[in-house]
PDB file of N, CA and C in Angstrom:
ATOM      1  N   UNK A   1     -28.108 -35.293  -0.836  1.00  0.00           N
ATOM      2  CA  UNK A   1     -29.367 -35.427  -1.867  1.00  0.00           C
ATOM      3  C   UNK A   1     -30.389 -36.330  -1.204  1.00  0.00           C
ATOM      4  N   UNK A   2     -31.476 -35.780  -1.002  1.00  0.00           N
ATOM      5  CA  UNK A   2     -32.599 -36.650  -0.379  1.00  0.00           C
ATOM      6  C   UNK A   2     -33.164 -37.333  -1.536  1.00  0.00           C
ATOM      7  N   UNK A   3     -33.748 -38.465  -1.233  1.00  0.00           N
ATOM      8  CA  UNK A   3     -34.526 -39.341  -2.178  1.00  0.00           C
ATOM      9  C   UNK A   3     -35.868 -38.610  -2.301  1.00  0.00           C
ATOM     10  N   UNK A   4     -36.364 -38.621  -3.652  1.00  0.00           N
ATOM     11  CA  UNK A   4     -37.810 -38.251  -3.932  1.00  0.00           C
ATOM     12  C   UNK A   4     -38.480 -39.505  -3.716  1.00  0.00           C
ATOM     13  N   UNK A   5     -39.829 -39.382  -3.636  1.00  0.00           N
ATOM     14  CA  UNK A   5     -40.746 -40.412  -3.263  1.00  0.00           C
ATOM     15  C   UNK A   5     -40.464 -41.782  -4.209  1.00  0.00           C
ATOM     16  N   UNK A   6     -40.245 -41.314  -5.586  1.00  0.00           N
ATOM     17  CA  UNK A   6     -40.181 -42.341  -6.497  1.00  0.00           C
ATOM     18  C   UNK A   6     -38.848 -43.176  -6.392  1.00  0.00           C
ATOM     19  N   UNK A   7     -37.761 -42.358  -6.216  1.00  0.00           N
ATOM     20  CA  UNK A   7     -36.386 -43.029  -5.950  1.00  0.00           C
ATOM     21  C   UNK A   7     -36.550 -43.894  -4.748  1.00  0.00           C
ATOM     22  N   UNK A   8     -37.049 -43.423  -3.774  1.00  0.00           N
ATOM     23  CA  UNK A   8     -37.200 -44.256  -2.455  1.00  0.00           C
ATOM     24  C   UNK A   8     -37.925 -45.449  -2.841  1.00  0.00           C
ATOM     25  N   UNK A   9     -39.080 -45.361  -3.456  1.00  0.00           N
ATOM     26  CA  UNK A   9     -39.957 -46.576  -3.802  1.00  0.00           C
ATOM     27  C   UNK A   9     -39.091 -47.480  -4.590  1.00  0.00           C
ATOM     28  N   UNK A  10     -38.296 -47.038  -5.679  1.00  0.00           N
ATOM     29  CA  UNK A  10     -37.387 -48.002  -6.359  1.00  0.00           C
ATOM     30  C   UNK A  10     -36.401 -48.678  -5.573  1.00  0.00           C
ATOM     31  N   UNK A  11     -35.853 -47.777  -4.733  1.00  0.00           N
ATOM     32  CA  UNK A  11     -34.702 -48.317  -3.834  1.00  0.00           C
ATOM     33  C   UNK A  11     -35.272 -49.413  -3.016  1.00  0.00           C
ATOM     34  N   UNK A  12     -36.377 -49.219  -2.345  1.00  0.00           N
ATOM     35  CA  UNK A  12     -36.978 -50.147  -1.395  1.00  0.00           C
ATOM     36  C   UNK A  12     -37.415 -51.489  -2.242  1.00  0.00           C
ATOM     37  N   UNK A  13     -37.980 -51.323  -3.334  1.00  0.00           N
ATOM     38  CA  UNK A  13     -38.252 -52.341  -4.268  1.00  0.00           C
ATOM     39  C   UNK A  13     -37.154 -53.262  -4.556  1.00  0.00           C
ATOM     40  N   UNK A  14     -35.845 -52.639  -4.928  1.00  0.00           N
ATOM     41  CA  UNK A  14     -34.789 -53.293  -5.335  1.00  0.00           C
ATOM     42  C   UNK A  14     -34.193 -54.209  -4.019  1.00  0.00           C
ATOM     43  N   UNK A  15     -34.427 -53.632  -2.861  1.00  0.00           N
ATOM     44  CA  UNK A  15     -34.106 -54.327  -1.622  1.00  0.00           C
ATOM     45  C   UNK A  15     -34.865 -55.688  -1.629  1.00  0.00           C
ATOM     46  N   UNK A  16     -36.310 -55.483  -1.544  1.00  0.00           N
ATOM     47  CA  UNK A  16     -37.214 -56.560  -1.623  1.00  0.00           C
ATOM     48  C   UNK A  16     -36.915 -57.597  -2.558  1.00  0.00           C
ATOM     49  N   UNK A  17     -36.693 -57.131  -3.716  1.00  0.00           N
ATOM     50  CA  UNK A  17     -36.434 -57.985  -4.930  1.00  0.00           C
ATOM     51  C   UNK A  17     -35.205 -58.832  -4.769  1.00  0.00           C
ATOM     52  N   UNK A  18     -34.250 -58.356  -3.996  1.00  0.00           N
ATOM     53  CA  UNK A  18     -33.180 -59.185  -3.589  1.00  0.00           C
ATOM     54  C   UNK A  18     -33.222 -60.043  -2.319  1.00  0.00           C
ATOM     55  N   UNK A  19     -34.456 -59.912  -1.686  1.00  0.00           N
ATOM     56  CA  UNK A  19     -34.599 -60.784  -0.545  1.00  0.00           C
ATOM     57  C   UNK A  19     -34.666 -60.182   0.863  1.00  0.00           C
ATOM     58  N   UNK A  20     -34.506 -58.865   0.946  1.00  0.00           N
ATOM     59  CA  UNK A  20     -34.663 -58.251   2.102  1.00  0.00           C
ATOM     60  C   UNK A  20     -36.074 -58.028   2.438  1.00  0.00           C
ATOM     61  N   UNK A  21     -36.652 -58.778   3.467  1.00  0.00           N
ATOM     62  CA  UNK A  21     -37.962 -58.621   3.890  1.00  0.00           C
ATOM     63  C   UNK A  21     -38.244 -58.441   5.153  1.00  0.00           C
ATOM     64  N   UNK A  22     -37.269 -58.281   5.981  1.00  0.00           N
ATOM     65  CA  UNK A  22     -37.633 -57.856   7.369  1.00  0.00           C
ATOM     66  C   UNK A  22     -38.059 -56.355   7.491  1.00  0.00           C
ATOM     67  N   UNK A  23     -39.236 -56.242   7.982  1.00  0.00           N
ATOM     68  CA  UNK A  23     -39.799 -54.739   7.862  1.00  0.00           C
ATOM     69  C   UNK A  23     -38.907 -53.798   8.695  1.00  0.00           C
ATOM     70  N   UNK A  24     -38.321 -54.239   9.831  1.00  0.00           N
ATOM     71  CA  UNK A  24     -37.467 -53.308  10.681  1.00  0.00           C
ATOM     72  C   UNK A  24     -36.225 -52.884   9.876  1.00  0.00           C
ATOM     73  N   UNK A  25     -35.601 -53.871   9.132  1.00  0.00           N
ATOM     74  CA  UNK A  25     -34.403 -53.579   8.400  1.00  0.00           C
ATOM     75  C   UNK A  25     -34.868 -52.657   7.028  1.00  0.00           C
ATOM     76  N   UNK A  26     -35.841 -52.934   6.601  1.00  0.00           N
ATOM     77  CA  UNK A  26     -36.476 -52.057   5.421  1.00  0.00           C
ATOM     78  C   UNK A  26     -36.656 -50.658   5.947  1.00  0.00           C
ATOM     79  N   UNK A  27     -37.310 -50.554   7.104  1.00  0.00           N
ATOM     80  CA  UNK A  27     -37.703 -49.175   7.738  1.00  0.00           C
ATOM     81  C   UNK A  27     -36.310 -48.497   8.011  1.00  0.00           C
ATOM     82  N   UNK A  28     -35.334 -49.080   8.542  1.00  0.00           N
ATOM     83  CA  UNK A  28     -34.008 -48.499   8.913  1.00  0.00           C
ATOM     84  C   UNK A  28     -33.364 -47.982   7.599  1.00  0.00           C
ATOM     85  N   UNK A  29     -33.458 -48.897   6.417  1.00  0.00           N
ATOM     86  CA  UNK A  29     -32.668 -48.406   5.404  1.00  0.00           C
ATOM     87  C   UNK A  29     -33.561 -47.372   4.572  1.00  0.00           C
ATOM     88  N   UNK A  30     -34.791 -47.183   5.012  1.00  0.00           N
ATOM     89  CA  UNK A  30     -35.511 -46.225   4.313  1.00  0.00           C
ATOM     90  C   UNK A  30     -35.065 -44.862   5.188  1.00  0.00           C
ATOM     91  N   UNK A  31     -34.947 -44.930   6.277  1.00  0.00           N
ATOM     92  CA  UNK A  31     -34.729 -43.656   7.215  1.00  0.00           C
ATOM     93  C   UNK A  31     -33.280 -43.212   6.971  1.00  0.00           C
ATOM     94  N   UNK A  32     -32.265 -44.140   6.811  1.00  0.00           N
ATOM     95  CA  UNK A  32     -30.780 -43.721   6.484  1.00  0.00           C
ATOM     96  C   UNK A  32     -30.655 -43.518   5.039  1.00  0.00           C
ATOM     97  N   UNK A  33     -30.307 -42.168   4.612  1.00  0.00           N
ATOM     98  CA  UNK A  33     -30.142 -41.779   3.404  1.00  0.00           C
ATOM     99  C   UNK A  33     -28.643 -42.312   3.085  1.00  0.00           C
ATOM    100  N   UNK A  34     -28.408 -43.059   1.919  1.00  0.00           N
ATOM    101  CA  UNK A  34     -27.074 -43.533   1.549  1.00  0.00           C
ATOM    102  C   UNK A  34     -26.376 -42.469   0.940  1.00  0.00           C
ATOM    103  N   UNK A  35     -26.881 -41.470   0.394  1.00  0.00           N
ATOM    104  CA  UNK A  35     -26.325 -40.460  -0.219  1.00  0.00           C
ATOM    105  C   UNK A  35     -25.042 -39.741   0.477  1.00  0.00           C
ATOM    106  N   UNK A  36     -25.246 -39.312   1.728  1.00  0.00           N
ATOM    107  CA  UNK A  36     -24.152 -38.644   2.382  1.00  0.00           C
ATOM    108  C   UNK A  36     -23.055 -39.657   2.700  1.00  0.00           C
ATOM    109  N   UNK A  37     -23.149 -40.818   2.463  1.00  0.00           N
ATOM    110  CA  UNK A  37     -21.944 -41.747   2.526  1.00  0.00           C
ATOM    111  C   UNK A  37     -21.163 -42.086   1.404  1.00  0.00           C
ATOM    112  N   UNK A  38     -21.710 -41.460   0.345  1.00  0.00           N
ATOM    113  CA  UNK A  38     -20.994 -41.611  -1.066  1.00  0.00           C
ATOM    114  C   UNK A  38     -20.557 -40.112  -1.410  1.00  0.00           C
ATOM    115  N   UNK A  39     -19.454 -39.907  -1.911  1.00  0.00           N
ATOM    116  CA  UNK A  39     -19.060 -38.593  -2.376  1.00  0.00           C
ATOM    117  C   UNK A  39     -18.350 -38.672  -3.572  1.00  0.00           C
ATOM    118  N   UNK A  40     -18.262 -37.388  -4.100  1.00  0.00           N
ATOM    119  CA  UNK A  40     -17.480 -37.240  -5.424  1.00  0.00           C
ATOM    120  C   UNK A  40     -18.228 -37.630  -6.625  1.00  0.00           C
ATOM    121  N   UNK A  41     -17.525 -38.103  -7.668  1.00  0.00           N
ATOM    122  CA  UNK A  41     -18.150 -38.532  -9.006  1.00  0.00           C
ATOM    123  C   UNK A  41     -19.221 -39.540  -8.782  1.00  0.00           C
ATOM    124  N   UNK A  42     -19.139 -40.402  -7.672  1.00  0.00           N
ATOM    125  CA  UNK A  42     -20.132 -41.530  -7.609  1.00  0.00           C
ATOM    126  C   UNK A  42     -21.360 -41.106  -6.721  1.00  0.00           C
ATOM    127  N   UNK A  43     -21.413 -39.944  -6.314  1.00  0.00           N
ATOM    128  CA  UNK A  43     -22.693 -39.589  -5.456  1.00  0.00           C
ATOM    129  C   UNK A  43     -23.900 -39.681  -6.352  1.00  0.00           C
ATOM    130  N   UNK A  44     -23.929 -39.533  -7.535  1.00  0.00           N
ATOM    131  CA  UNK A  44     -25.037 -39.546  -8.413  1.00  0.00           C
ATOM    132  C   UNK A  44     -25.561 -41.084  -8.433  1.00  0.00           C
ATOM    133  N   UNK A  45     -24.790 -42.096  -8.132  1.00  0.00           N
ATOM    134  CA  UNK A  45     -25.044 -43.465  -8.216  1.00  0.00           C
ATOM    135  C   UNK A  45     -25.393 -44.022  -6.734  1.00  0.00           C
ATOM    136  N   UNK A  46     -25.563 -43.096  -5.762  1.00  0.00           N
ATOM    137  CA  UNK A  46     -25.688 -43.701  -4.321  1.00  0.00           C
ATOM    138  C   UNK A  46     -26.762 -44.406  -4.116  1.00  0.00           C
ATOM    139  N   UNK A  47     -27.864 -44.378  -4.993  1.00  0.00           N
ATOM    140  CA  UNK A  47     -29.168 -45.049  -4.792  1.00  0.00           C
ATOM    141  C   UNK A  47     -29.287 -46.384  -5.683  1.00  0.00           C
ATOM    142  N   UNK A  48     -28.195 -46.596  -6.487  1.00  0.00           N
ATOM    143  CA  UNK A  48     -28.285 -47.910  -7.185  1.00  0.00           C
ATOM    144  C   UNK A  48     -27.721 -49.013  -6.262  1.00  0.00           C
ATOM    145  N   UNK A  49     -28.293 -50.205  -6.587  1.00  0.00           N
ATOM    146  CA  UNK A  49     -27.710 -51.353  -5.892  1.00  0.00           C
ATOM    147  C   UNK A  49     -26.444 -51.860  -6.366  1.00  0.00           C
ATOM    148  N   UNK A  50     -25.455 -51.085  -6.020  1.00  0.00           N
ATOM    149  CA  UNK A  50     -24.072 -51.488  -6.303  1.00  0.00           C
ATOM    150  C   UNK A  50     -23.046 -50.990  -5.359  1.00  0.00           C
ATOM    151  N   UNK A  51     -21.992 -51.762  -5.165  1.00  0.00           N
ATOM    152  CA  UNK A  51     -20.866 -51.178  -4.310  1.00  0.00           C
ATOM    153  C   UNK A  51     -20.186 -50.004  -4.974  1.00  0.00           C
ATOM    154  N   UNK A  52     -19.813 -49.146  -4.314  1.00  0.00           N
ATOM    155  CA  UNK A  52     -19.195 -47.804  -4.800  1.00  0.00           C
ATOM    156  C   UNK A  52     -17.865 -47.628  -4.064  1.00  0.00           C
ATOM    157  N   UNK A  53     -16.871 -47.074  -4.704  1.00  0.00           N
ATOM    158  CA  UNK A  53     -15.481 -46.652  -4.078  1.00  0.00           C
ATOM    159  C   UNK A  53     -15.778 -45.592  -3.063  1.00  0.00           C
ATOM    160  N   UNK A  54     -15.111 -45.659  -1.977  1.00  0.00           N
ATOM    161  CA  UNK A  54     -14.969 -44.604  -1.013  1.00  0.00           C
ATOM    162  C   UNK A  54     -13.359 -44.475  -0.760  1.00  0.00           C
ATOM    163  N   UNK A  55     -13.104 -43.656   0.201  1.00  0.00           N
ATOM    164  CA  UNK A  55     -11.745 -43.310   0.535  1.00  0.00           C
ATOM    165  C   UNK A  55     -10.981 -44.525   0.915  1.00  0.00           C
ATOM    166  N   UNK A  56      -9.662 -44.465   0.866  1.00  0.00           N
ATOM    167  CA  UNK A  56      -8.593 -45.428   1.121  1.00  0.00           C
ATOM    168  C   UNK A  56      -8.742 -46.750   0.576  1.00  0.00           C
ATOM    169  N   UNK A  57      -9.166 -46.754  -0.755  1.00  0.00           N
ATOM    170  CA  UNK A  57      -9.156 -47.958  -1.458  1.00  0.00           C
ATOM    171  C   UNK A  57     -10.277 -48.862  -1.022  1.00  0.00           C
ATOM    172  N   UNK A  58     -11.295 -48.447  -0.270  1.00  0.00           N
ATOM    173  CA  UNK A  58     -12.392 -49.221   0.269  1.00  0.00           C
ATOM    174  C   UNK A  58     -13.679 -48.956  -0.560  1.00  0.00           C
ATOM    175  N   UNK A  59     -14.659 -49.797  -0.312  1.00  0.00           N
ATOM    176  CA  UNK A  59     -15.887 -49.637  -0.949  1.00  0.00           C
ATOM    177  C   UNK A  59     -17.054 -49.710   0.096  1.00  0.00           C
ATOM    178  N   UNK A  60     -18.150 -48.993  -0.350  1.00  0.00           N
ATOM    179  CA  UNK A  60     -19.388 -48.980   0.396  1.00  0.00           C
ATOM    180  C   UNK A  60     -20.116 -50.092  -0.227  1.00  0.00           C
ATOM    181  N   UNK A  61     -20.620 -51.038   0.626  1.00  0.00           N
ATOM    182  CA  UNK A  61     -21.380 -52.350   0.057  1.00  0.00           C
ATOM    183  C   UNK A  61     -22.629 -51.847  -0.602  1.00  0.00           C
ATOM    184  N   UNK A  62     -23.063 -52.673  -1.576  1.00  0.00           N
ATOM    185  CA  UNK A  62     -24.319 -52.464  -2.096  1.00  0.00           C
ATOM    186  C   UNK A  62     -25.495 -52.620  -1.156  1.00  0.00           C
ATOM    187  N   UNK A  63     -26.363 -51.705  -1.396  1.00  0.00           N
ATOM    188  CA  UNK A  63     -27.597 -51.717  -0.262  1.00  0.00           C
ATOM    189  C   UNK A  63     -28.151 -53.166  -0.092  1.00  0.00           C
ATOM    190  N   UNK A  64     -28.318 -53.862  -1.164  1.00  0.00           N
ATOM    191  CA  UNK A  64     -28.982 -55.415  -0.997  1.00  0.00           C
ATOM    192  C   UNK A  64     -28.158 -56.193   0.012  1.00  0.00           C
ATOM    193  N   UNK A  65     -26.847 -55.948  -0.119  1.00  0.00           N
ATOM    194  CA  UNK A  65     -25.986 -56.818   0.751  1.00  0.00           C
ATOM    195  C   UNK A  65     -26.033 -56.280   2.106  1.00  0.00           C
ATOM    196  N   UNK A  66     -26.038 -54.969   2.394  1.00  0.00           N
ATOM    197  CA  UNK A  66     -26.307 -54.469   3.708  1.00  0.00           C
ATOM    198  C   UNK A  66     -27.412 -54.971   4.250  1.00  0.00           C
ATOM    199  N   UNK A  67     -28.588 -54.948   3.489  1.00  0.00           N
ATOM    200  CA  UNK A  67     -29.879 -55.279   4.055  1.00  0.00           C
ATOM    201  C   UNK A  67     -29.865 -56.817   4.360  1.00  0.00           C
ATOM    202  N   UNK A  68     -29.401 -57.590   3.458  1.00  0.00           N
ATOM    203  CA  UNK A  68     -29.300 -59.061   3.782  1.00  0.00           C
ATOM    204  C   UNK A  68     -28.350 -59.402   4.929  1.00  0.00           C
ATOM    205  N   UNK A  69     -27.317 -58.680   5.089  1.00  0.00           N
ATOM    206  CA  UNK A  69     -26.323 -58.956   6.251  1.00  0.00           C
ATOM    207  C   UNK A  69     -27.105 -58.512   7.537  1.00  0.00           C
ATOM    208  N   UNK A  70     -27.675 -57.364   7.434  1.00  0.00           N
ATOM    209  CA  UNK A  70     -28.496 -56.843   8.685  1.00  0.00           C
ATOM    210  C   UNK A  70     -29.569 -57.670   8.975  1.00  0.00           C
ATOM    211  N   UNK A  71     -30.396 -58.205   7.950  1.00  0.00           N
ATOM    212  CA  UNK A  71     -31.428 -59.082   8.273  1.00  0.00           C
ATOM    213  C   UNK A  71     -30.982 -60.436   8.950  1.00  0.00           C
ATOM    214  N   UNK A  72     -29.844 -60.905   8.363  1.00  0.00           N
ATOM    215  CA  UNK A  72     -29.242 -62.279   8.948  1.00  0.00           C
ATOM    216  C   UNK A  72     -28.955 -62.145  10.310  1.00  0.00           C
ATOM    217  N   UNK A  73     -28.546 -60.849  10.853  1.00  0.00           N
ATOM    218  CA  UNK A  73     -28.130 -60.698  12.260  1.00  0.00           C
ATOM    219  C   UNK A  73     -29.254 -60.820  13.196  1.00  0.00           C
ATOM    220  N   UNK A  74     -30.500 -60.518  12.803  1.00  0.00           N
ATOM    221  CA  UNK A  74     -31.448 -60.480  13.721  1.00  0.00           C
ATOM    222  C   UNK A  74     -31.472 -59.738  14.996  1.00  0.00           C
ATOM    223  N   UNK A  75     -31.025 -58.344  14.654  1.00  0.00           N
ATOM    224  CA  UNK A  75     -30.744 -57.452  15.762  1.00  0.00           C
ATOM    225  C   UNK A  75     -32.017 -57.168  16.399  1.00  0.00           C
ATOM    226  N   UNK A  76     -31.888 -57.270  17.719  1.00  0.00           N
ATOM    227  CA  UNK A  76     -33.066 -56.747  18.552  1.00  0.00           C
ATOM    228  C   UNK A  76     -32.867 -55.430  19.213  1.00  0.00           C
ATOM    229  N   UNK A  77     -33.984 -54.834  19.570  1.00  0.00           N
ATOM    230  CA  UNK A  77     -33.829 -53.471  20.218  1.00  0.00           C
ATOM    231  C   UNK A  77     -32.960 -53.333  21.594  1.00  0.00           C
ATOM    232  N   UNK A  78     -32.656 -54.395  22.082  1.00  0.00           N
ATOM    233  CA  UNK A  78     -31.868 -54.455  23.321  1.00  0.00           C
ATOM    234  C   UNK A  78     -30.383 -54.933  23.090  1.00  0.00           C
ATOM    235  N   UNK A  79     -29.995 -55.207  21.756  1.00  0.00           N
ATOM    236  CA  UNK A  79     -28.881 -55.684  21.530  1.00  0.00           C
ATOM    237  C   UNK A  79     -27.647 -54.653  21.438  1.00  0.00           C
ATOM    238  N   UNK A  80     -26.588 -55.047  21.711  1.00  0.00           N
ATOM    239  CA  UNK A  80     -25.307 -54.228  21.456  1.00  0.00           C
ATOM    240  C   UNK A  80     -24.551 -54.956  20.264  1.00  0.00           C
ATOM    241  N   UNK A  81     -24.093 -54.142  19.376  1.00  0.00           N
ATOM    242  CA  UNK A  81     -23.323 -54.513  18.163  1.00  0.00           C
ATOM    243  C   UNK A  81     -21.929 -54.069  18.009  1.00  0.00           C
ATOM    244  N   UNK A  82     -21.043 -54.851  17.778  1.00  0.00           N
ATOM    245  CA  UNK A  82     -19.641 -54.530  17.482  1.00  0.00           C
ATOM    246  C   UNK A  82     -19.402 -54.726  15.932  1.00  0.00           C
ATOM    247  N   UNK A  83     -19.207 -53.635  15.277  1.00  0.00           N
ATOM    248  CA  UNK A  83     -18.765 -53.699  13.857  1.00  0.00           C
ATOM    249  C   UNK A  83     -17.366 -53.456  13.733  1.00  0.00           C
ATOM    250  N   UNK A  84     -16.464 -54.334  13.073  1.00  0.00           N
ATOM    251  CA  UNK A  84     -15.231 -54.086  12.809  1.00  0.00           C
ATOM    252  C   UNK A  84     -15.037 -53.810  11.335  1.00  0.00           C
ATOM    253  N   UNK A  85     -14.644 -52.604  11.024  1.00  0.00           N
ATOM    254  CA  UNK A  85     -14.355 -52.122   9.566  1.00  0.00           C
ATOM    255  C   UNK A  85     -15.518 -51.185   9.362  1.00  0.00           C
ATOM    256  N   UNK A  86     -15.454 -49.990   9.922  1.00  0.00           N
ATOM    257  CA  UNK A  86     -16.528 -48.976   9.750  1.00  0.00           C
ATOM    258  C   UNK A  86     -16.692 -48.468   8.122  1.00  0.00           C
ATOM    259  N   UNK A  87     -15.659 -48.535   7.434  1.00  0.00           N
ATOM    260  CA  UNK A  87     -15.795 -47.918   6.145  1.00  0.00           C
ATOM    261  C   UNK A  87     -16.272 -46.582   6.157  1.00  0.00           C
ATOM    262  N   UNK A  88     -17.353 -46.431   5.344  1.00  0.00           N
ATOM    263  CA  UNK A  88     -18.081 -45.139   5.221  1.00  0.00           C
ATOM    264  C   UNK A  88     -19.000 -44.870   6.497  1.00  0.00           C
ATOM    265  N   UNK A  89     -19.394 -45.935   7.200  1.00  0.00           N
ATOM    266  CA  UNK A  89     -20.306 -45.680   8.398  1.00  0.00           C
ATOM    267  C   UNK A  89     -21.760 -46.166   7.997  1.00  0.00           C
ATOM    268  N   UNK A  90     -22.028 -46.404   6.835  1.00  0.00           N
ATOM    269  CA  UNK A  90     -23.359 -46.699   6.395  1.00  0.00           C
ATOM    270  C   UNK A  90     -23.870 -47.882   7.261  1.00  0.00           C
ATOM    271  N   UNK A  91     -23.165 -48.872   7.217  1.00  0.00           N
ATOM    272  CA  UNK A  91     -23.686 -50.209   7.904  1.00  0.00           C
ATOM    273  C   UNK A  91     -23.942 -49.760   9.384  1.00  0.00           C
ATOM    274  N   UNK A  92     -23.068 -49.083  10.096  1.00  0.00           N
ATOM    275  CA  UNK A  92     -23.261 -48.662  11.564  1.00  0.00           C
ATOM    276  C   UNK A  92     -24.466 -47.724  11.691  1.00  0.00           C
ATOM    277  N   UNK A  93     -24.795 -46.976  10.661  1.00  0.00           N
ATOM    278  CA  UNK A  93     -26.057 -46.240  10.761  1.00  0.00           C
ATOM    279  C   UNK A  93     -27.147 -46.836  10.636  1.00  0.00           C
ATOM    280  N   UNK A  94     -27.289 -47.983   9.804  1.00  0.00           N
ATOM    281  CA  UNK A  94     -28.399 -48.701   9.666  1.00  0.00           C
ATOM    282  C   UNK A  94     -28.710 -49.533  11.056  1.00  0.00           C
ATOM    283  N   UNK A  95     -27.490 -50.069  11.342  1.00  0.00           N
ATOM    284  CA  UNK A  95     -27.552 -50.855  12.692  1.00  0.00           C
ATOM    285  C   UNK A  95     -27.966 -49.990  13.893  1.00  0.00           C
ATOM    286  N   UNK A  96     -27.687 -48.626  13.782  1.00  0.00           N
ATOM    287  CA  UNK A  96     -28.052 -47.826  14.939  1.00  0.00           C
ATOM    288  C   UNK A  96     -29.720 -47.629  15.087  1.00  0.00           C
ATOM    289  N   UNK A  97     -30.274 -47.994  13.999  1.00  0.00           N
ATOM    290  CA  UNK A  97     -31.701 -47.823  14.139  1.00  0.00           C
ATOM    291  C   UNK A  97     -32.387 -49.184  14.587  1.00  0.00           C
ATOM    292  N   UNK A  98     -31.518 -50.158  14.848  1.00  0.00           N
ATOM    293  CA  UNK A  98     -32.090 -51.350  15.243  1.00  0.00           C
ATOM    294  C   UNK A  98     -31.628 -51.935  16.488  1.00  0.00           C
ATOM    295  N   UNK A  99     -30.478 -51.440  17.034  1.00  0.00           N
ATOM    296  CA  UNK A  99     -29.879 -51.926  18.151  1.00  0.00           C
ATOM    297  C   UNK A  99     -29.859 -50.759  19.277  1.00  0.00           C
ATOM    298  N   UNK A 100     -29.675 -51.282  20.573  1.00  0.00           N
ATOM    299  CA  UNK A 100     -29.444 -50.300  21.665  1.00  0.00           C
ATOM    300  C   UNK A 100     -28.207 -49.442  21.393  1.00  0.00           C
ATOM    301  N   UNK A 101     -27.215 -50.132  21.181  1.00  0.00           N
ATOM    302  CA  UNK A 101     -25.821 -49.464  20.905  1.00  0.00           C
ATOM    303  C   UNK A 101     -25.084 -50.200  19.800  1.00  0.00           C
ATOM    304  N   UNK A 102     -24.299 -49.357  19.050  1.00  0.00           N
ATOM    305  CA  UNK A 102     -23.378 -49.816  18.050  1.00  0.00           C
ATOM    306  C   UNK A 102     -22.110 -49.220  18.294  1.00  0.00           C
ATOM    307  N   UNK A 103     -21.078 -50.304  18.415  1.00  0.00           N
ATOM    308  CA  UNK A 103     -19.623 -49.982  18.541  1.00  0.00           C
ATOM    309  C   UNK A 103     -18.969 -50.276  17.193  1.00  0.00           C
ATOM    310  N   UNK A 104     -18.097 -49.286  16.721  1.00  0.00           N
ATOM    311  CA  UNK A 104     -17.560 -49.617  15.350  1.00  0.00           C
ATOM    312  C   UNK A 104     -16.091 -49.079  15.309  1.00  0.00           C
ATOM    313  N   UNK A 105     -15.231 -49.798  14.751  1.00  0.00           N
ATOM    314  CA  UNK A 105     -13.892 -49.406  14.555  1.00  0.00           C
ATOM    315  C   UNK A 105     -13.360 -49.359  13.168  1.00  0.00           C
ATOM    316  N   UNK A 106     -12.552 -48.506  12.936  1.00  0.00           N
ATOM    317  CA  UNK A 106     -11.813 -48.450  11.579  1.00  0.00           C
ATOM    318  C   UNK A 106     -10.538 -48.224  11.578  1.00  0.00           C
ATOM    319  N   UNK A 107      -9.608 -48.952  10.800  1.00  0.00           N
ATOM    320  CA  UNK A 107      -8.223 -48.806  10.724  1.00  0.00           C
ATOM    321  C   UNK A 107      -7.625 -47.333  10.154  1.00  0.00           C
ATOM    322  N   UNK A 108      -8.424 -46.825   9.389  1.00  0.00           N
ATOM    323  CA  UNK A 108      -8.022 -45.530   8.699  1.00  0.00           C
ATOM    324  C   UNK A 108      -8.579 -44.395   9.411  1.00  0.00           C
TER     325      UNK A 108
END
């Protein structure tokens, strides 16, 4: 499900209101659609600022937390990032827009 322009604007407004201000992070989060990383009965809530259940008893972090964590990393375009705990892959997808390389591992 792709975001319509109004949903996208609301999504980005929610991120900004929670303190995500880095333009590179906001652009990355605008480009990466969270919808495909959420499935089943929770897919309709993919664009809400809340954690949601995914497979294996895990959760996908709420977008504002992803944004704040990513912003705190201050990832540069020449950086390589190691992520431990891939989960849905959403955070890795966001990081892929900001870093030269992203390596990620998951135990499941």
